[in-house]
Amino acid sequence: MASLKEMRNRIASVKATQKITKAMQMVAAAKLRRSQDAAQNARPYAQRMAAVIANLAAGVSGPGAPRLLVGTGQDHKQLVVVATSDRGLAGGFNTAIVRAARLRIAALIAHGKDVKLITVGKKARDQLRRYYGDRILESLEAGSSPSLATAQGIAAKVLALFEDGQVDVVTLFYSRFKSVVTQVPTGVQLIPAEIGAGAAPINLNGSSYEDEPDEETILEALLPRNITVQFLSALLENQAGFYASQMAAMDNATRNAGDMIKSYTIQYNRTRQAQITKELIEIISGAEAL
């Protein structure tokens, strides 16, 4: 049985841990509000761009269609981009994204596809390196604050691989922020572009219009920008989901620490009382012997 000093040290250690988890919970709660607003504010732009691309793509076909829209005509070379956070202590947030990506990767490999990976976030790199280290082309950091520059850098690398003929299909995995308690691991195909996915049709109220320049030219400019927007939206969604998961995880850790403190305190008091009782018995016994 542990001595009273050892038990006091345990209680003090758990109390110190509880202070840290409580502080992390409060920080995550403060950052969650800003991250949630940023993720939600980015959605209308991404949805509107998807609607515009869907309407333009409806009038484009044949050999003049952009390659980002129709692809290479093959699907053998697959690129999977997995975006997580750089930090942990957020429950199963990062693991859920990686698990969804691993299922997709395993299915593609089972069908004989040539799969390559790009990881965005240290946690994606660390977890996927154990299983598919030889397939990782590049590992990037998500950063503490998602920005358009970060998304443009990722998109530029992906587009360069596609233009060089190294990939046929590009799929992005991230966590879509649904609520404070719910984050949904999501996979979305970026190349060839999935037309109509989440895109509401534009109501022209019966009028007609002509595009100037033509649809192909407009799509050539919009499709690369859309990929950048998709990456930026994914990073923002990930950040909101990370802080929500971290807040919940630190709240659970704080509660568990409180339960441990209560348990250790009861055990400490019982041990101390037992020692006092033992000493009293020894004193009384000695007095009676005299």
Protein backbone atom coordinates (compact mmCIF):
# COMPACT_ATOMS: atom_id res chain seq x y z
CA MET A 1 0.00 0.00 0.00
CA ALA A 2 1.26 3.47 -0.84
CA SER A 3 2.43 5.68 1.98
CA LEU A 4 0.63 8.87 2.95
CA LYS A 5 3.37 10.97 1.33
CA GLU A 6 3.08 9.08 -1.95
CA MET A 7 -0.69 9.52 -1.91
CA ARG A 8 -0.36 13.26 -1.23
CA ASN A 9 2.00 13.50 -4.18
CA ARG A 10 -0.49 11.64 -6.39
CA ILE A 11 -3.31 13.98 -5.40
CA ALA A 12 -1.15 17.03 -6.06
CA SER A 13 -0.10 15.64 -9.46
CA VAL A 14 -3.69 14.97 -10.54
CA LYS A 15 -4.75 18.44 -9.37
CA ALA A 16 -2.00 19.99 -11.49
CA THR A 17 -3.13 17.94 -14.50
CA GLN A 18 -6.73 19.02 -13.88
CA LYS A 19 -5.69 22.68 -13.99
CA ILE A 20 -3.98 22.12 -17.35
CA THR A 21 -6.93 20.30 -18.91
CA LYS A 22 -9.35 22.94 -17.63
CA ALA A 23 -7.21 25.71 -19.14
CA MET A 24 -6.99 23.85 -22.47
CA GLN A 25 -10.76 23.39 -22.46
CA MET A 26 -11.32 27.12 -21.98
CA VAL A 27 -8.83 28.01 -24.72
CA ALA A 28 -10.42 25.56 -27.15
CA ALA A 29 -13.88 26.95 -26.36
CA ALA A 30 -12.69 30.48 -27.06
CA LYS A 31 -11.07 29.51 -30.37
CA LEU A 32 -13.99 27.32 -31.42
CA ARG A 33 -16.35 30.27 -31.87
CA ARG A 34 -14.02 32.05 -34.31
CA SER A 35 -13.20 28.84 -36.17
CA GLN A 36 -16.86 27.89 -36.44
CA ASP A 37 -17.77 31.31 -37.85
CA ALA A 38 -14.92 31.10 -40.38
CA ALA A 39 -15.98 27.63 -41.55
CA GLN A 40 -19.63 28.60 -41.89
CA ASN A 41 -18.81 31.86 -43.66
CA ALA A 42 -16.75 29.98 -46.26
CA ARG A 43 -19.56 27.59 -47.19
CA PRO A 44 -21.77 29.99 -49.22
CA TYR A 45 -18.87 30.98 -51.50
CA ALA A 46 -17.92 27.34 -52.11
CA GLN A 47 -21.54 26.36 -52.75
CA ARG A 48 -22.11 29.28 -55.14
CA MET A 49 -18.96 28.45 -57.09
CA ALA A 50 -20.09 24.82 -57.33
CA ALA A 51 -23.44 26.01 -58.70
CA VAL A 52 -21.78 28.22 -61.32
CA ILE A 53 -19.46 25.40 -62.42
CA ALA A 54 -22.37 22.96 -62.60
CA ASN A 55 -24.35 25.33 -64.84
CA LEU A 56 -21.37 26.00 -67.09
CA ALA A 57 -20.46 22.31 -67.30
CA ALA A 58 -23.96 21.49 -68.55
CA GLY A 59 -23.12 23.16 -71.87
CA VAL A 60 -19.61 21.72 -72.24
CA SER A 61 -18.79 18.39 -73.86
CA GLY A 62 -16.45 16.83 -76.34
CA PRO A 63 -12.72 17.27 -76.83
CA GLY A 64 -12.84 20.97 -75.92
CA ALA A 65 -13.88 20.30 -72.32
CA PRO A 66 -11.24 21.17 -69.66
CA ARG A 67 -9.21 18.21 -68.39
CA LEU A 68 -9.96 19.15 -64.77
CA LEU A 69 -13.63 18.60 -65.61
CA VAL A 70 -13.50 15.37 -67.62
CA GLY A 71 -10.23 13.92 -66.32
CA THR A 72 -7.75 11.89 -68.30
CA GLY A 73 -10.20 9.14 -69.20
CA GLN A 74 -8.45 6.75 -66.81
CA ASP A 75 -8.53 6.09 -63.08
CA HIS A 76 -5.44 3.96 -62.52
CA LYS A 77 -3.28 6.65 -60.88
CA GLN A 78 -5.02 7.75 -57.70
CA LEU A 79 -3.92 10.58 -55.44
CA VAL A 80 -5.44 10.73 -51.96
CA VAL A 81 -4.97 13.94 -49.96
CA VAL A 82 -5.57 13.46 -46.22
CA ALA A 83 -6.01 16.62 -44.14
CA THR A 84 -5.89 16.51 -40.33
CA SER A 85 -4.59 18.83 -37.62
CA ASP A 86 -1.00 19.19 -36.51
CA ARG A 87 -1.82 18.59 -32.85
CA GLY A 88 -3.51 15.92 -30.80
CA LEU A 89 -5.38 15.86 -27.46
CA ALA A 90 -8.65 16.03 -29.40
CA GLY A 91 -10.15 12.60 -28.80
CA GLY A 92 -10.65 10.58 -31.97
CA PHE A 93 -10.82 13.57 -34.33
CA ASN A 94 -7.67 12.86 -36.35
CA THR A 95 -8.03 9.09 -36.13
CA ALA A 96 -11.52 9.20 -37.64
CA ILE A 97 -10.25 11.07 -40.73
CA VAL A 98 -7.30 8.73 -41.17
CA ARG A 99 -9.54 5.67 -40.73
CA ALA A 100 -11.88 6.84 -43.49
CA ALA A 101 -8.90 7.51 -45.77
CA ARG A 102 -7.35 4.12 -45.00
CA LEU A 103 -10.56 2.33 -45.96
CA ARG A 104 -10.57 4.12 -49.30
CA ILE A 105 -6.87 3.50 -49.89
CA ALA A 106 -7.19 -0.19 -49.07
CA ALA A 107 -10.14 -0.53 -51.45
CA LEU A 108 -8.24 1.18 -54.27
CA ILE A 109 -5.15 -0.99 -53.75
CA ALA A 110 -7.34 -4.09 -53.70
CA HIS A 111 -8.63 -3.09 -57.15
CA GLY A 112 -5.09 -2.78 -58.47
CA LYS A 113 -4.85 1.02 -58.50
CA ASP A 114 -1.59 2.91 -58.16
CA VAL A 115 -2.23 5.00 -55.04
CA LYS A 116 -0.11 7.94 -53.92
CA LEU A 117 -0.64 10.13 -50.86
CA ILE A 118 -0.19 13.73 -49.78
CA THR A 119 -0.68 14.39 -46.08
CA VAL A 120 -1.69 17.77 -44.69
CA GLY A 121 -1.16 17.86 -40.94
CA LYS A 122 1.36 16.11 -38.72
CA LYS A 123 -1.15 13.61 -37.39
CA ALA A 124 -2.04 12.38 -40.88
CA ARG A 125 1.66 12.01 -41.67
CA ASP A 126 2.45 10.12 -38.45
CA GLN A 127 -0.46 7.69 -38.70
CA LEU A 128 -0.30 6.96 -42.44
CA ARG A 129 3.48 6.62 -42.46
CA ARG A 130 3.12 3.38 -40.48
CA TYR A 131 1.05 1.74 -43.20
CA TYR A 132 1.81 3.55 -46.46
CA GLY A 133 5.13 5.30 -45.90
CA ASP A 134 6.41 4.36 -49.36
CA ARG A 135 3.33 5.88 -51.02
CA ILE A 136 3.56 9.35 -49.44
CA LEU A 137 4.74 11.90 -52.00
CA GLU A 138 4.82 14.88 -49.66
CA SER A 139 3.90 15.82 -46.10
CA LEU A 140 2.69 19.33 -45.36
CA GLU A 141 1.75 21.07 -42.13
CA ALA A 142 -1.78 22.36 -41.65
CA GLY A 143 -0.64 25.35 -39.61
CA SER A 144 -2.34 27.02 -36.68
CA SER A 145 -4.43 29.35 -38.83
CA PRO A 146 -5.75 28.24 -42.27
CA SER A 147 -5.23 30.84 -44.97
CA LEU A 148 -5.78 31.22 -48.68
CA ALA A 149 -2.02 31.13 -49.22
CA THR A 150 -1.80 27.72 -47.55
CA ALA A 151 -4.66 26.37 -49.67
CA GLN A 152 -3.09 27.78 -52.84
CA GLY A 153 0.19 26.05 -52.05
CA ILE A 154 -1.51 22.68 -51.62
CA ALA A 155 -3.62 23.16 -54.74
CA ALA A 156 -0.56 24.13 -56.78
CA LYS A 157 1.21 20.88 -55.84
CA VAL A 158 -1.84 18.78 -56.73
CA LEU A 159 -2.41 20.57 -60.04
CA ALA A 160 1.27 20.17 -60.95
CA LEU A 161 1.04 16.40 -60.40
CA PHE A 162 -2.09 16.25 -62.56
CA GLU A 163 -0.61 18.33 -65.38
CA ASP A 164 2.52 16.16 -65.37
CA GLY A 165 0.38 13.07 -65.86
CA GLN A 166 1.33 11.53 -62.53
CA VAL A 167 -2.27 11.26 -61.30
CA ASP A 168 -5.67 10.64 -62.89
CA VAL A 169 -8.01 11.06 -59.92
CA VAL A 170 -7.60 13.23 -56.80
CA THR A 171 -9.64 12.68 -53.64
CA LEU A 172 -9.56 14.82 -50.51
CA PHE A 173 -10.36 13.53 -47.01
CA TYR A 174 -11.14 15.91 -44.15
CA SER A 175 -13.66 16.33 -41.32
CA ARG A 176 -16.81 18.31 -42.06
CA PHE A 177 -17.94 20.37 -39.08
CA LYS A 178 -21.61 19.63 -38.38
CA SER A 179 -22.00 20.71 -34.77
CA VAL A 180 -19.99 21.07 -31.58
CA VAL A 181 -20.52 17.38 -30.82
CA THR A 182 -20.53 16.01 -34.37
CA GLN A 183 -17.79 16.05 -36.99
CA VAL A 184 -18.18 13.90 -40.09
CA PRO A 185 -15.11 12.41 -41.87
CA THR A 186 -15.71 13.23 -45.53
CA GLY A 187 -14.14 12.26 -48.82
CA VAL A 188 -14.67 14.45 -51.89
CA GLN A 189 -13.33 13.96 -55.40
CA LEU A 190 -11.56 17.05 -56.69
CA ILE A 191 -10.29 15.79 -60.07
CA PRO A 192 -12.25 15.11 -62.22
CA ALA A 193 -14.60 17.65 -60.68
CA GLU A 194 -17.81 16.22 -59.26
CA ILE A 195 -20.46 18.30 -60.96
CA GLY A 196 -23.64 19.03 -59.09
CA ALA A 197 -22.40 17.74 -55.74
CA GLY A 198 -23.98 20.16 -53.28
CA ALA A 199 -24.66 22.69 -56.01
CA ALA A 200 -28.10 24.28 -56.06
CA PRO A 201 -29.34 25.21 -59.56
CA ILE A 202 -29.36 28.90 -60.44
CA ASN A 203 -32.86 30.27 -60.96
CA LEU A 204 -32.85 32.42 -64.10
CA ASN A 205 -36.59 33.19 -63.85
CA GLY A 206 -37.14 32.05 -67.42
CA SER A 207 -34.46 34.28 -68.96
CA SER A 208 -31.61 33.10 -71.16
CA TYR A 209 -28.03 34.30 -71.36
CA GLU A 210 -24.83 33.83 -73.31
CA ASP A 211 -21.42 33.46 -71.71
CA GLU A 212 -18.62 35.71 -72.81
CA PRO A 213 -16.05 34.29 -73.19
CA ASP A 214 -17.31 30.76 -73.85
CA GLU A 215 -17.97 28.13 -71.18
CA GLU A 216 -14.70 26.27 -71.80
CA THR A 217 -12.61 29.39 -71.20
CA ILE A 218 -14.49 30.30 -68.05
CA LEU A 219 -14.18 26.77 -66.69
CA GLU A 220 -10.45 26.74 -67.43
CA ALA A 221 -10.15 29.69 -65.02
CA LEU A 222 -12.71 28.58 -62.43
CA LEU A 223 -11.78 24.91 -61.97
CA PRO A 224 -8.26 25.52 -60.56
CA ARG A 225 -9.70 28.21 -58.30
CA ASN A 226 -12.41 25.80 -57.19
CA ILE A 227 -9.77 23.30 -56.08
CA THR A 228 -8.12 26.02 -54.00
CA VAL A 229 -11.49 26.88 -52.46
CA GLN A 230 -12.11 23.22 -51.66
CA PHE A 231 -8.79 22.96 -49.83
CA LEU A 232 -9.38 26.20 -47.92
CA SER A 233 -12.87 25.07 -46.93
CA ALA A 234 -11.50 21.70 -45.78
CA LEU A 235 -8.82 23.36 -43.64
CA LEU A 236 -11.39 25.68 -42.04
CA GLU A 237 -13.79 22.80 -41.40
CA ASN A 238 -10.94 20.80 -39.86
CA GLN A 239 -9.94 23.62 -37.55
CA ALA A 240 -13.49 24.07 -36.24
CA GLY A 241 -13.88 20.32 -35.75
CA PHE A 242 -10.51 20.09 -34.00
CA TYR A 243 -11.34 22.73 -31.40
CA ALA A 244 -14.79 21.22 -30.82
CA SER A 245 -13.24 17.77 -30.28
CA GLN A 246 -10.48 19.16 -28.10
CA MET A 247 -12.97 21.06 -25.95
CA ALA A 248 -15.00 17.88 -25.40
CA ALA A 249 -11.88 15.78 -24.75
CA MET A 250 -10.46 18.24 -22.21
CA ASP A 251 -13.85 18.50 -20.50
CA ASN A 252 -13.89 14.70 -20.09
CA ALA A 253 -10.30 14.74 -18.88
CA THR A 254 -11.12 17.43 -16.30
CA ARG A 255 -14.09 15.41 -15.03
CA ASN A 256 -12.01 12.23 -14.85
CA ALA A 257 -9.29 14.07 -12.94
CA GLY A 258 -11.91 15.26 -10.46
CA ASP A 259 -13.12 11.70 -9.97
CA MET A 260 -9.54 10.51 -9.39
CA ILE A 261 -8.94 13.26 -6.85
CA LYS A 262 -12.05 12.22 -4.92
CA SER A 263 -11.02 8.57 -5.02
CA TYR A 264 -7.45 9.31 -3.89
CA THR A 265 -8.69 11.64 -1.15
CA ILE A 266 -11.01 8.98 0.26
CA GLN A 267 -8.22 6.42 0.13
CA TYR A 268 -5.82 8.88 1.79
CA ASN A 269 -8.26 9.65 4.60
CA ARG A 270 -8.94 5.98 5.24
CA THR A 271 -5.23 5.15 5.34
CA ARG A 272 -4.54 8.08 7.66
CA GLN A 273 -7.38 7.11 9.94
CA ALA A 274 -6.14 3.53 10.03
CA GLN A 275 -2.67 4.69 11.03
CA ILE A 276 -4.08 6.95 13.78
CA THR A 277 -6.21 4.10 15.10
CA LYS A 278 -3.22 1.76 15.07
CA GLU A 279 -1.09 4.27 17.00
CA LEU A 280 -3.85 4.79 19.57
CA ILE A 281 -4.17 1.03 20.07
CA GLU A 282 -0.41 0.75 20.57
CA ILE A 283 -0.42 3.61 23.12
CA ILE A 284 -3.37 2.14 25.03
CA SER A 285 -1.84 -1.33 24.99
CA GLY A 286 1.44 0.02 26.29
CA ALA A 287 -0.27 1.97 29.05
CA GLU A 288 -2.21 -1.11 30.16
CA ALA A 289 0.97 -3.17 30.22
CA LEU A 290 2.48 -0.75 32.71
